[in-house]
Amino acid sequence: MVDDGTGFDVAAAPDGFGLTGMTERVALVDGSLEIESAPGQGTRLTIELPVARIEVAS
């Protein structure tokens, strides 16, 4: 997800429930969340989730 909003300094971001909650939920399914942002530059969230493989009996 990308936006062209005001952005923020990721290192100085307060520990609110929004991004922290997203990070925790992604981690619960063994995924990863990357946050890229800078003041005046918008924000990009990259979420990677594992795909379950289902074996079908033949």
N, C-alpha and C. Protein backbone atom coordinates (compact mmCIF):
# COMPACT_ATOMS: atom_id res chain seq x y z
N MET A 1 0.85 -1.15 0.00
CA MET A 1 0.00 0.00 0.00
C MET A 1 0.91 1.23 0.00
N VAL A 2 0.58 2.20 -0.81
CA VAL A 2 1.36 3.44 -0.89
C VAL A 2 0.41 4.62 -0.83
N ASP A 3 0.79 5.67 -0.14
CA ASP A 3 0.02 6.90 -0.20
C ASP A 3 0.95 8.07 -0.48
N ASP A 4 0.40 9.18 -0.85
CA ASP A 4 1.20 10.38 -1.12
C ASP A 4 0.93 11.45 -0.07
N GLY A 5 0.65 10.99 1.15
CA GLY A 5 0.34 11.91 2.25
C GLY A 5 1.56 12.61 2.80
N THR A 6 1.45 13.07 4.02
CA THR A 6 2.50 13.87 4.63
C THR A 6 3.70 13.05 5.09
N GLY A 7 3.52 11.74 5.29
CA GLY A 7 4.63 10.90 5.74
C GLY A 7 5.02 11.22 7.17
N PHE A 8 6.01 10.47 7.67
CA PHE A 8 6.48 10.67 9.03
C PHE A 8 7.85 10.04 9.18
N ASP A 9 8.53 10.39 10.26
CA ASP A 9 9.84 9.81 10.56
C ASP A 9 9.59 8.48 11.28
N VAL A 10 9.88 7.38 10.61
CA VAL A 10 9.60 6.05 11.18
C VAL A 10 10.33 5.85 12.50
N ALA A 11 11.56 6.29 12.60
CA ALA A 11 12.35 6.11 13.83
C ALA A 11 11.75 6.88 15.00
N ALA A 12 11.08 7.99 14.74
CA ALA A 12 10.54 8.82 15.80
C ALA A 12 9.04 8.63 15.98
N ALA A 13 8.45 7.67 15.26
CA ALA A 13 7.00 7.46 15.35
C ALA A 13 6.61 7.02 16.75
N PRO A 14 5.52 7.57 17.28
CA PRO A 14 5.07 7.14 18.60
C PRO A 14 4.56 5.70 18.55
N ASP A 15 4.62 5.02 19.68
CA ASP A 15 4.14 3.64 19.76
C ASP A 15 2.63 3.65 19.95
N GLY A 16 1.91 3.90 18.88
CA GLY A 16 0.45 3.86 18.93
C GLY A 16 -0.04 2.45 18.63
N PHE A 17 -1.33 2.28 18.60
CA PHE A 17 -1.90 0.95 18.38
C PHE A 17 -2.03 0.61 16.90
N GLY A 18 -2.08 1.58 16.01
CA GLY A 18 -2.31 1.32 14.59
C GLY A 18 -1.24 0.47 13.95
N LEU A 19 -0.04 1.00 13.80
CA LEU A 19 1.04 0.26 13.16
C LEU A 19 1.53 -0.90 14.02
N THR A 20 1.51 -0.71 15.33
CA THR A 20 1.90 -1.80 16.23
C THR A 20 0.94 -2.97 16.09
N GLY A 21 -0.35 -2.69 16.04
CA GLY A 21 -1.34 -3.74 15.88
C GLY A 21 -1.19 -4.46 14.55
N MET A 22 -0.94 -3.70 13.49
CA MET A 22 -0.73 -4.32 12.18
C MET A 22 0.49 -5.24 12.21
N THR A 23 1.57 -4.76 12.81
CA THR A 23 2.80 -5.55 12.89
C THR A 23 2.55 -6.84 13.67
N GLU A 24 1.83 -6.75 14.77
CA GLU A 24 1.54 -7.93 15.58
C GLU A 24 0.67 -8.93 14.83
N ARG A 25 -0.33 -8.46 14.11
CA ARG A 25 -1.22 -9.36 13.37
C ARG A 25 -0.48 -10.07 12.25
N VAL A 26 0.38 -9.35 11.55
CA VAL A 26 1.16 -9.95 10.48
C VAL A 26 2.11 -11.00 11.06
N ALA A 27 2.72 -10.71 12.20
CA ALA A 27 3.65 -11.65 12.84
C ALA A 27 2.93 -12.92 13.29
N LEU A 28 1.66 -12.82 13.67
CA LEU A 28 0.91 -13.99 14.12
C LEU A 28 0.78 -15.05 13.03
N VAL A 29 0.84 -14.65 11.78
CA VAL A 29 0.75 -15.61 10.67
C VAL A 29 2.11 -15.78 9.99
N ASP A 30 3.18 -15.49 10.74
CA ASP A 30 4.56 -15.65 10.26
C ASP A 30 4.88 -14.79 9.04
N GLY A 31 4.30 -13.61 9.00
CA GLY A 31 4.57 -12.68 7.91
C GLY A 31 5.52 -11.58 8.36
N SER A 32 5.74 -10.63 7.46
CA SER A 32 6.59 -9.49 7.80
C SER A 32 5.95 -8.21 7.29
N LEU A 33 6.21 -7.13 7.98
CA LEU A 33 5.68 -5.81 7.63
C LEU A 33 6.85 -4.84 7.59
N GLU A 34 7.01 -4.15 6.47
CA GLU A 34 8.05 -3.13 6.32
C GLU A 34 7.36 -1.79 6.13
N ILE A 35 7.83 -0.78 6.86
CA ILE A 35 7.26 0.57 6.79
C ILE A 35 8.35 1.50 6.26
N GLU A 36 8.06 2.17 5.15
CA GLU A 36 8.97 3.16 4.59
C GLU A 36 8.23 4.50 4.56
N SER A 37 8.82 5.52 5.15
CA SER A 37 8.19 6.83 5.16
C SER A 37 9.23 7.88 5.50
N ALA A 38 8.94 9.10 5.12
CA ALA A 38 9.75 10.25 5.48
C ALA A 38 8.84 11.47 5.43
N PRO A 39 9.09 12.44 6.29
CA PRO A 39 8.25 13.64 6.29
C PRO A 39 8.16 14.25 4.88
N GLY A 40 6.94 14.49 4.44
CA GLY A 40 6.70 15.09 3.13
C GLY A 40 6.80 14.13 1.97
N GLN A 41 7.04 12.85 2.24
CA GLN A 41 7.27 11.88 1.15
C GLN A 41 6.23 10.77 1.07
N GLY A 42 5.20 10.79 1.88
CA GLY A 42 4.22 9.71 1.85
C GLY A 42 4.72 8.50 2.62
N THR A 43 3.97 7.41 2.50
CA THR A 43 4.27 6.20 3.24
C THR A 43 4.02 4.98 2.38
N ARG A 44 4.88 3.96 2.53
CA ARG A 44 4.71 2.68 1.84
C ARG A 44 4.76 1.57 2.88
N LEU A 45 3.73 0.72 2.86
CA LEU A 45 3.69 -0.47 3.71
C LEU A 45 3.84 -1.68 2.80
N THR A 46 4.78 -2.55 3.12
CA THR A 46 4.96 -3.78 2.37
C THR A 46 4.73 -4.94 3.33
N ILE A 47 3.73 -5.75 3.03
CA ILE A 47 3.39 -6.89 3.87
C ILE A 47 3.63 -8.15 3.06
N GLU A 48 4.38 -9.08 3.64
CA GLU A 48 4.61 -10.38 3.01
C GLU A 48 4.02 -11.45 3.92
N LEU A 49 3.16 -12.29 3.33
CA LEU A 49 2.52 -13.37 4.08
C LEU A 49 2.84 -14.70 3.43
N PRO A 50 3.04 -15.73 4.25
CA PRO A 50 3.31 -17.05 3.67
C PRO A 50 2.03 -17.61 3.04
N VAL A 51 2.22 -18.44 2.03
CA VAL A 51 1.10 -19.08 1.37
C VAL A 51 1.09 -20.54 1.81
N ALA A 52 -0.05 -20.98 2.27
CA ALA A 52 -0.17 -22.37 2.71
C ALA A 52 -0.26 -23.27 1.49
N ARG A 53 0.47 -24.35 1.53
CA ARG A 53 0.44 -25.33 0.44
C ARG A 53 -0.45 -26.48 0.88
N ILE A 54 -1.39 -26.83 0.03
CA ILE A 54 -2.32 -27.92 0.34
C ILE A 54 -2.00 -29.10 -0.56
N GLU A 55 -1.73 -30.23 0.06
CA GLU A 55 -1.45 -31.46 -0.69
C GLU A 55 -2.78 -32.13 -1.00
N VAL A 56 -2.96 -32.50 -2.25
CA VAL A 56 -4.18 -33.17 -2.68
C VAL A 56 -3.85 -34.64 -2.96
N ALA A 57 -4.58 -35.52 -2.30
CA ALA A 57 -4.37 -36.96 -2.51
C ALA A 57 -4.84 -37.35 -3.90
N SER A 58 -4.08 -38.19 -4.55
CA SER A 58 -4.49 -38.61 -5.90
C SER A 58 -5.04 -40.01 -5.91
